[in-house]
């Protein structure tokens, strides 16, 4: 099945198997063989898992080889891919087949590609290509090694105040660039802000973005979609009519995002989606300084203004927000207000944690397979002794049929 997948060149695969035979280390259990191939960097964990359940197709999309699955969501699956010729890694966003038949979803997917292609800023994930491979629509984007603010807060707890200010300033800088390109994001939230290993924030997922000066960009009206966004972070005016939302709605969502980063929960954490939307329209969140006394009055005032219910009471552009944050950072004694040198964690430590997690996972599988083999051998020996005659032992491993089933994208 590995041979059928085309993931490993025939000559390389042949040499590898020959070395295993020569050293007498060829395992009989497919899971153990998969573990060895992962250890020797012939397969990734994702590729091995797919092949072990009988899926050997769709490891190549366009000019990219699929290495791992990064994320999944309502608008698609995201994979780590490698360009076949350039060897450049990219994040490949694939539109699910069931969604591709929906005209509204397909148009939004294509517009996301156009939106990202119109931007070129260090705080926004870049796009490389948008294309179609048979019935699969995909978008190739810059691969960022790091984590989202949502996962970071869940993993390490609320951010420090200084960290939050630096990250918010970078995100606002990226939004200013989008604003100058006449784009409004409409889905700013912790899950859509990535932090790479150097501490650089990057905005991603422009699936709901629109060119607000383009009268033909009216998918919200065309498909009668009044409410778009995420309830925990959506601006009041966007909750009432998404088509009329402008850059000030993104500023509101950014304020809610960093309220979450400091408090560890959204401004209105309780209730249903409808109740949260109503709270965004009518209620005032608990003051951040009651939750985090270490937040300065100046930074609390910035959050409060960013989250003002009426757009006219907020910052009128992300650039104004950047200036306000810069002043507060300078008052706090920060001279390098870019914050690019503030690392999420040490790169080696972050990568080491990922590697150790994968090793532990495959070690458990290998031990389980080994115990199963030993158990099978003992059972066979016991049967032979009890029956007094020679019986061929039955292997414990399940055989996997080479069905050629496609990887579910």
Protein backbone atom coordinates (compact mmCIF):
# COMPACT_ATOMS: atom_id res chain seq x y z
CA UNK A 1 0.00 0.00 0.00
CA UNK A 2 2.93 2.35 0.62
CA UNK A 3 4.13 1.47 -2.85
CA UNK A 4 0.69 2.18 -4.32
CA UNK A 5 0.49 5.53 -2.53
CA UNK A 6 3.56 6.84 -4.35
CA UNK A 7 4.81 8.52 -1.17
CA UNK A 8 8.21 6.81 -1.34
CA UNK A 9 10.19 6.39 -4.52
CA UNK A 10 10.44 2.76 -5.57
CA UNK A 11 14.24 2.68 -5.41
CA UNK A 12 14.27 4.21 -1.91
CA UNK A 13 11.58 1.84 -0.67
CA UNK A 14 13.39 -1.18 -2.15
CA UNK A 15 16.71 -0.24 -0.54
CA UNK A 16 15.00 0.35 2.82
CA UNK A 17 13.24 -3.03 2.84
CA UNK A 18 16.44 -4.76 1.76
CA UNK A 19 18.32 -3.22 4.71
CA UNK A 20 15.63 -4.39 7.11
CA UNK A 21 15.84 -7.94 5.72
CA UNK A 22 19.62 -7.92 5.86
CA UNK A 23 19.61 -6.95 9.54
CA UNK A 24 16.72 -9.29 10.37
CA UNK A 25 14.60 -6.43 11.74
CA UNK A 26 11.63 -6.64 9.37
CA UNK A 27 8.55 -6.75 11.63
CA UNK A 28 5.56 -8.92 10.79
CA UNK A 29 3.09 -6.44 12.28
CA UNK A 30 2.22 -3.55 9.91
CA UNK A 31 1.98 -1.12 12.85
CA UNK A 32 5.56 -1.83 13.85
CA UNK A 33 6.71 -1.36 10.26
CA UNK A 34 4.84 1.95 10.14
CA UNK A 35 6.59 3.01 13.36
CA UNK A 36 9.98 2.21 11.83
CA UNK A 37 9.16 4.20 8.68
CA UNK A 38 8.15 7.18 10.81
CA UNK A 39 11.33 6.89 12.85
CA UNK A 40 13.41 6.80 9.67
CA UNK A 41 11.55 9.79 8.15
CA UNK A 42 10.07 7.87 5.24
CA UNK A 43 6.48 8.48 6.34
CA UNK A 44 4.82 11.05 8.55
CA UNK A 45 2.52 10.01 11.36
CA UNK A 46 -0.54 11.16 9.41
CA UNK A 47 0.49 9.24 6.30
CA UNK A 48 1.12 6.06 8.30
CA UNK A 49 -2.23 6.31 10.09
CA UNK A 50 -4.09 6.71 6.79
CA UNK A 51 -2.32 3.76 5.18
CA UNK A 52 -2.91 1.54 8.23
CA UNK A 53 -6.68 1.97 7.82
CA UNK A 54 -6.53 1.18 4.11
CA UNK A 55 -6.37 4.65 2.55
CA UNK A 56 -3.58 5.18 0.07
CA UNK A 57 -4.96 7.72 -2.39
CA UNK A 58 -5.18 11.54 -2.28
CA UNK A 59 -1.77 12.09 -0.73
CA UNK A 60 -1.07 14.49 -3.61
CA UNK A 61 -3.15 17.59 -4.27
CA UNK A 62 -2.06 19.66 -7.22
CA UNK A 63 1.70 20.12 -6.93
CA UNK A 64 1.74 19.37 -3.20
CA UNK A 65 2.42 16.21 -1.22
CA UNK A 66 0.26 16.00 1.92
CA UNK A 67 2.35 15.46 5.08
CA UNK A 68 0.06 16.07 8.05
CA UNK A 69 -3.41 17.32 8.95
CA UNK A 70 -3.18 20.64 10.79
CA UNK A 71 -6.78 21.58 11.48
CA UNK A 72 -10.38 21.12 10.44
CA UNK A 73 -13.48 23.26 10.54
CA UNK A 74 -16.76 24.07 8.89
CA UNK A 75 -15.09 25.79 5.93
CA UNK A 76 -12.52 23.10 5.22
CA UNK A 77 -9.59 20.96 6.28
CA UNK A 78 -6.05 22.31 6.52
CA UNK A 79 -3.04 20.12 5.76
CA UNK A 80 0.69 20.59 5.85
CA UNK A 81 1.92 20.09 2.30
CA UNK A 82 5.24 20.20 0.52
CA UNK A 83 5.68 21.46 -3.03
CA UNK A 84 6.95 18.60 -5.18
CA UNK A 85 9.63 20.63 -6.93
CA UNK A 86 10.39 23.62 -4.71
CA UNK A 87 10.29 21.59 -1.44
CA UNK A 88 8.59 24.59 0.16
CA UNK A 89 6.09 23.73 2.86
CA UNK A 90 2.64 25.27 2.75
CA UNK A 91 -0.67 25.10 4.58
CA UNK A 92 -3.18 23.55 2.16
CA UNK A 93 -6.79 24.45 2.86
CA UNK A 94 -9.14 22.02 1.12
CA UNK A 95 -12.84 22.61 0.65
CA UNK A 96 -14.79 19.45 1.60
CA UNK A 97 -16.53 17.79 -1.33
CA UNK A 98 -19.92 18.11 0.38
CA UNK A 99 -19.39 21.87 0.72
CA UNK A 100 -18.09 22.41 -2.81
CA UNK A 101 -21.56 21.81 -4.28
CA UNK A 102 -22.91 24.78 -2.28
CA UNK A 103 -22.55 27.89 -4.50
CA UNK A 104 -22.31 30.26 -1.52
CA UNK A 105 -19.52 28.25 0.14
CA UNK A 106 -17.60 27.84 -3.13
CA UNK A 107 -17.79 31.55 -3.90
CA UNK A 108 -16.59 32.42 -0.39
CA UNK A 109 -13.70 30.00 -0.76
CA UNK A 110 -12.62 31.62 -4.01
CA UNK A 111 -13.03 35.10 -2.55
CA UNK A 112 -10.83 34.10 0.40
CA UNK A 113 -8.09 33.31 -2.10
CA UNK A 114 -8.51 36.68 -3.80
CA UNK A 115 -8.55 38.47 -0.45
CA UNK A 116 -5.32 36.89 0.80
CA UNK A 117 -3.66 37.47 -2.57
CA UNK A 118 -4.42 41.20 -2.24
CA UNK A 119 -2.45 41.44 1.00
CA UNK A 120 1.28 41.43 1.71
CA UNK A 121 2.10 42.13 5.33
CA UNK A 122 4.21 40.37 8.02
CA UNK A 123 1.16 40.17 10.31
CA UNK A 124 -1.09 38.44 7.75
CA UNK A 125 -0.69 34.88 6.48
CA UNK A 126 0.31 35.01 2.80
CA UNK A 127 -1.29 33.06 -0.06
CA UNK A 128 0.71 31.14 -2.67
CA UNK A 129 -1.93 29.64 -4.93
CA UNK A 130 -5.61 28.76 -5.34
CA UNK A 131 -6.45 25.90 -7.67
CA UNK A 132 -8.56 22.84 -8.34
CA UNK A 133 -7.39 19.22 -8.55
CA UNK A 134 -10.16 17.17 -10.14
CA UNK A 135 -13.11 17.79 -7.80
CA UNK A 136 -11.00 19.22 -4.96
CA UNK A 137 -10.75 22.98 -4.50
CA UNK A 138 -7.70 24.04 -2.49
CA UNK A 139 -5.83 27.11 -1.31
CA UNK A 140 -2.07 27.00 -0.65
CA UNK A 141 -0.93 29.44 2.03
CA UNK A 142 2.12 30.31 4.09
CA UNK A 143 2.78 27.63 6.72
CA UNK A 144 3.30 29.16 10.15
CA UNK A 145 4.95 27.04 12.84
CA UNK A 146 3.34 28.08 16.09
CA UNK A 147 -0.11 28.15 17.67
CA UNK A 148 -3.27 30.22 17.79
CA UNK A 149 -3.97 32.57 20.67
CA UNK A 150 -6.94 30.37 21.54
CA UNK A 151 -4.75 27.29 21.96
CA UNK A 152 -2.02 29.29 23.67
CA UNK A 153 -4.40 30.53 26.37
CA UNK A 154 -5.83 27.04 26.84
CA UNK A 155 -2.32 25.58 27.11
CA UNK A 156 -0.55 28.20 29.23
CA UNK A 157 -3.38 30.24 30.76
CA UNK A 158 -4.09 33.99 30.30
CA UNK A 159 -1.35 36.05 28.71
CA UNK A 160 0.80 38.52 30.58
CA UNK A 161 -0.29 42.13 30.13
CA UNK A 162 2.86 43.06 28.21
CA UNK A 163 2.52 40.03 25.96
CA UNK A 164 -1.12 40.92 25.24
CA UNK A 165 -0.24 44.51 24.33
CA UNK A 166 2.49 43.42 21.92
CA UNK A 167 0.26 40.85 20.26
CA UNK A 168 -2.69 43.24 20.01
CA UNK A 169 -0.50 45.91 18.45
CA UNK A 170 0.76 43.49 15.80
CA UNK A 171 -2.75 42.28 14.98
CA UNK A 172 -3.96 45.87 14.68
CA UNK A 173 -1.06 46.60 12.33
CA UNK A 174 -2.16 43.71 10.10
CA UNK A 175 -5.77 44.96 10.18
CA UNK A 176 -4.59 48.42 9.10
CA UNK A 177 -2.99 46.87 6.02
CA UNK A 178 -6.23 45.02 5.25
CA UNK A 179 -8.18 48.26 5.78
CA UNK A 180 -5.94 50.05 3.28
CA UNK A 181 -6.68 47.23 0.81
CA UNK A 182 -10.43 47.93 1.39
CA UNK A 183 -10.94 44.62 3.23
CA UNK A 184 -12.90 43.94 6.40
CA UNK A 185 -12.17 40.56 8.01
CA UNK A 186 -15.45 40.00 9.93
CA UNK A 187 -14.18 37.03 11.94
CA UNK A 188 -11.35 38.25 14.17
CA UNK A 189 -11.08 35.91 17.16
CA UNK A 190 -8.35 34.09 19.15
CA UNK A 191 -8.54 31.06 16.84
CA UNK A 192 -7.77 33.24 13.82
CA UNK A 193 -4.64 34.86 15.23
CA UNK A 194 -1.49 32.76 14.98
CA UNK A 195 1.69 33.35 16.96
CA UNK A 196 4.83 31.91 15.40
CA UNK A 197 7.96 30.79 17.25
CA UNK A 198 9.49 34.27 17.08
CA UNK A 199 6.44 35.90 18.67
CA UNK A 200 5.04 37.37 15.45
CA UNK A 201 1.24 37.48 15.23
CA UNK A 202 -0.37 36.59 11.90
CA UNK A 203 -4.02 37.00 10.94
CA UNK A 204 -5.51 34.07 9.07
CA UNK A 205 -8.82 32.76 7.70
CA UNK A 206 -10.33 35.40 5.46
CA UNK A 207 -13.28 33.16 4.62
CA UNK A 208 -15.78 35.82 5.71
CA UNK A 209 -13.81 38.85 4.50
CA UNK A 210 -15.26 41.23 1.95
CA UNK A 211 -14.07 44.15 -0.15
CA UNK A 212 -16.32 46.81 1.32
CA UNK A 213 -15.88 49.27 -1.56
CA UNK A 214 -16.74 46.67 -4.21
CA UNK A 215 -20.47 46.82 -4.94
CA UNK A 216 -20.30 43.45 -6.69
CA UNK A 217 -18.95 41.77 -3.53
CA UNK A 218 -22.37 41.19 -2.02
CA UNK A 219 -22.47 37.50 -1.08
CA UNK A 220 -24.14 38.33 2.25
CA UNK A 221 -27.05 39.90 0.39
CA UNK A 222 -27.01 37.46 -2.52
CA UNK A 223 -27.41 34.46 -0.22
CA UNK A 224 -29.47 36.28 2.45
CA UNK A 225 -26.81 35.88 5.17
CA UNK A 226 -27.51 38.62 7.69
CA UNK A 227 -25.41 37.31 10.58
CA UNK A 228 -21.83 36.18 9.98
CA UNK A 229 -19.06 35.85 12.54
CA UNK A 230 -18.51 34.23 15.93
CA UNK A 231 -20.95 35.04 18.74
CA UNK A 232 -18.29 35.48 21.44
CA UNK A 233 -16.46 38.16 19.44
CA UNK A 234 -18.92 39.64 16.93
CA UNK A 235 -19.55 43.40 16.90
CA UNK A 236 -23.10 44.61 17.68
CA UNK A 237 -23.67 46.16 14.24
CA UNK A 238 -22.30 43.03 12.55
CA UNK A 239 -24.73 40.89 14.56
CA UNK A 240 -27.57 43.01 13.19
CA UNK A 241 -26.35 43.10 9.58
CA UNK A 242 -23.01 41.59 8.52
CA UNK A 243 -23.01 43.29 5.13
CA UNK A 244 -22.84 46.76 6.66
CA UNK A 245 -19.91 45.95 8.99
CA UNK A 246 -16.75 47.97 8.38
CA UNK A 247 -13.25 47.97 9.85
CA UNK A 248 -14.57 49.22 13.19
CA UNK A 249 -16.34 45.87 13.60
CA UNK A 250 -12.92 44.20 13.35
CA UNK A 251 -11.61 46.58 16.02
CA UNK A 252 -14.46 45.53 18.32
CA UNK A 253 -13.70 41.85 17.69
CA UNK A 254 -10.01 42.49 18.35
CA UNK A 255 -10.92 44.08 21.69
CA UNK A 256 -13.02 41.03 22.61
CA UNK A 257 -10.15 38.77 21.54
CA UNK A 258 -7.67 40.38 23.91
CA UNK A 259 -10.24 40.53 26.69
CA UNK A 260 -10.30 36.74 26.27
CA UNK A 261 -6.49 36.57 26.24
CA UNK A 262 -6.30 38.45 29.55
CA UNK A 263 -9.35 36.99 31.32
CA UNK A 264 -9.14 33.44 30.00
CA UNK A 265 -12.75 33.62 28.78
CA UNK A 266 -14.82 35.75 26.36
CA UNK A 267 -16.51 38.97 27.52
CA UNK A 268 -19.84 37.12 27.80
CA UNK A 269 -18.93 33.49 28.57
CA UNK A 270 -22.34 32.10 29.58
CA UNK A 271 -25.47 31.33 27.60
CA UNK A 272 -26.50 30.10 24.18
CA UNK A 273 -25.32 31.59 20.91
CA UNK A 274 -28.43 33.74 20.72
CA UNK A 275 -27.97 34.95 24.30
CA UNK A 276 -24.32 35.84 23.61
CA UNK A 277 -25.28 37.81 20.50
CA UNK A 278 -27.93 39.66 22.53
CA UNK A 279 -25.31 40.41 25.19
CA UNK A 280 -23.01 41.88 22.52
CA UNK A 281 -25.88 44.17 21.54
CA UNK A 282 -27.06 45.27 24.97
CA UNK A 283 -24.70 44.38 27.84
CA UNK A 284 -21.38 45.65 29.15
CA UNK A 285 -18.77 43.02 30.10
CA UNK A 286 -17.21 42.85 33.52
CA UNK A 287 -14.34 45.37 33.68
CA UNK A 288 -11.06 43.68 32.86
CA UNK A 289 -9.31 45.19 35.90
CA UNK A 290 -11.72 43.34 38.22
CA UNK A 291 -10.45 40.10 36.71
CA UNK A 292 -6.84 41.19 36.13
CA UNK A 293 -5.79 43.94 38.59
CA UNK A 294 -2.34 43.98 36.93
CA UNK A 295 -3.83 45.51 33.77
CA UNK A 296 -2.96 49.21 33.73
CA UNK A 297 -5.68 51.84 33.60
CA UNK A 298 -4.33 52.96 30.23
CA UNK A 299 -4.55 49.50 28.65
CA UNK A 300 -7.98 48.90 30.21
CA UNK A 301 -9.14 52.17 28.64
CA UNK A 302 -7.88 50.98 25.23
CA UNK A 303 -9.87 47.74 25.53
CA UNK A 304 -12.95 49.61 26.69
CA UNK A 305 -12.81 52.02 23.75
CA UNK A 306 -12.15 49.20 21.25
CA UNK A 307 -15.23 47.38 22.60
CA UNK A 308 -17.57 50.39 22.62
CA UNK A 309 -21.08 49.40 21.53
CA UNK A 310 -21.39 52.20 18.99
CA UNK A 311 -18.85 52.26 16.13
CA UNK A 312 -18.44 56.05 16.37
CA UNK A 313 -17.16 55.68 19.94
CA UNK A 314 -14.38 53.23 18.96
CA UNK A 315 -11.04 53.83 17.29
CA UNK A 316 -11.93 54.77 13.73
CA UNK A 317 -9.04 52.85 12.18
CA UNK A 318 -6.58 50.18 13.32
CA UNK A 319 -3.80 52.76 12.92
CA UNK A 320 -5.34 54.79 15.77
CA UNK A 321 -5.34 51.65 17.91
CA UNK A 322 -1.69 50.97 17.01
CA UNK A 323 -0.73 54.49 18.09
CA UNK A 324 -2.59 54.15 21.40
CA UNK A 325 -0.91 50.83 22.17
CA UNK A 326 2.50 52.20 21.18
CA UNK A 327 2.10 55.09 23.64
CA UNK A 328 1.12 52.75 26.47
CA UNK A 329 4.05 50.44 25.68
CA UNK A 330 6.44 53.37 25.76
CA UNK A 331 4.97 54.53 29.07
CA UNK A 332 5.55 51.05 30.48
CA UNK A 333 9.25 51.34 29.66
CA UNK A 334 9.19 49.34 26.43
CA UNK A 335 11.56 50.79 23.87
CA UNK A 336 11.37 48.02 21.25
CA UNK A 337 7.61 48.27 20.73
CA UNK A 338 7.66 45.95 17.72
CA UNK A 339 7.81 42.98 20.04
CA UNK A 340 9.14 40.72 17.28
CA UNK A 341 11.83 39.36 19.56
CA UNK A 342 9.38 38.11 22.18
CA UNK A 343 9.23 34.39 21.63
CA UNK A 344 6.24 32.20 22.26
CA UNK A 345 8.65 29.70 23.72
CA UNK A 346 12.10 28.49 22.77
CA UNK A 347 11.92 26.99 19.30
CA UNK A 348 13.90 23.92 20.25
CA UNK A 349 11.67 23.32 23.26
CA UNK A 350 8.47 23.75 21.22
CA UNK A 351 9.62 21.35 18.50
CA UNK A 352 10.96 18.92 21.10
CA UNK A 353 7.55 18.80 22.78
CA UNK A 354 5.93 17.92 19.46
CA UNK A 355 8.50 15.20 18.73
CA UNK A 356 8.23 13.71 22.20
CA UNK A 357 4.45 13.60 21.90
CA UNK A 358 4.70 11.70 18.61
CA UNK A 359 7.32 9.32 20.02
CA UNK A 360 5.20 8.53 23.08
CA UNK A 361 2.19 7.86 20.89
CA UNK A 362 4.02 5.43 18.62
CA UNK A 363 5.87 3.86 21.54
CA UNK A 364 2.52 2.98 23.14
CA UNK A 365 1.35 1.47 19.87
CA UNK A 366 4.55 -0.50 19.44
CA UNK A 367 4.34 -1.82 23.01
CA UNK A 368 0.71 -2.77 22.46
CA UNK A 369 1.59 -4.60 19.26
CA UNK A 370 4.50 -6.33 20.98
CA UNK A 371 2.30 -7.48 23.87
CA UNK A 372 -0.25 -8.76 21.37
CA UNK A 373 2.45 -10.73 19.55
CA UNK A 374 3.82 -12.19 22.78
CA UNK A 375 0.31 -13.01 23.95
CA UNK A 376 -0.42 -14.73 20.67
CA UNK A 377 2.79 -16.75 20.91
CA UNK A 378 2.01 -17.87 24.48
CA UNK A 379 -1.52 -18.82 23.48
CA UNK A 380 -0.23 -20.85 20.54
CA UNK A 381 2.39 -22.60 22.71
CA UNK A 382 -0.22 -23.44 25.33
CA UNK A 383 -2.50 -24.87 22.67
CA UNK A 384 0.32 -27.03 21.31
CA UNK A 385 1.20 -28.37 24.74
CA UNK A 386 -2.40 -29.12 25.61
CA UNK A 387 -3.22 -30.82 22.35
CA UNK A 388 0.06 -32.67 22.11
CA UNK A 389 0.38 -32.00 18.44
CA UNK A 390 1.77 -29.28 16.24
CA UNK A 391 -0.65 -26.53 15.23
CA UNK A 392 0.20 -23.43 13.21
CA UNK A 393 -0.06 -20.35 15.44
CA UNK A 394 -2.66 -17.76 14.61
CA UNK A 395 -1.30 -14.21 14.26
CA UNK A 396 -3.01 -11.61 16.42
CA UNK A 397 -2.80 -8.72 13.97
CA UNK A 398 -5.73 -7.80 11.78
CA UNK A 399 -5.15 -7.85 8.06
CA UNK A 400 -5.82 -4.60 6.28
CA UNK A 401 -7.44 -4.87 2.87
CA UNK A 402 -5.79 -2.78 0.18
CA UNK A 403 -9.05 -1.11 -0.77
CA UNK A 404 -7.52 2.07 -2.12
CA UNK A 405 -10.11 4.14 -0.24
CA UNK A 406 -9.51 7.87 -0.61
CA UNK A 407 -8.30 9.98 2.27
CA UNK A 408 -11.35 11.84 3.52
CA UNK A 409 -10.65 15.51 2.77
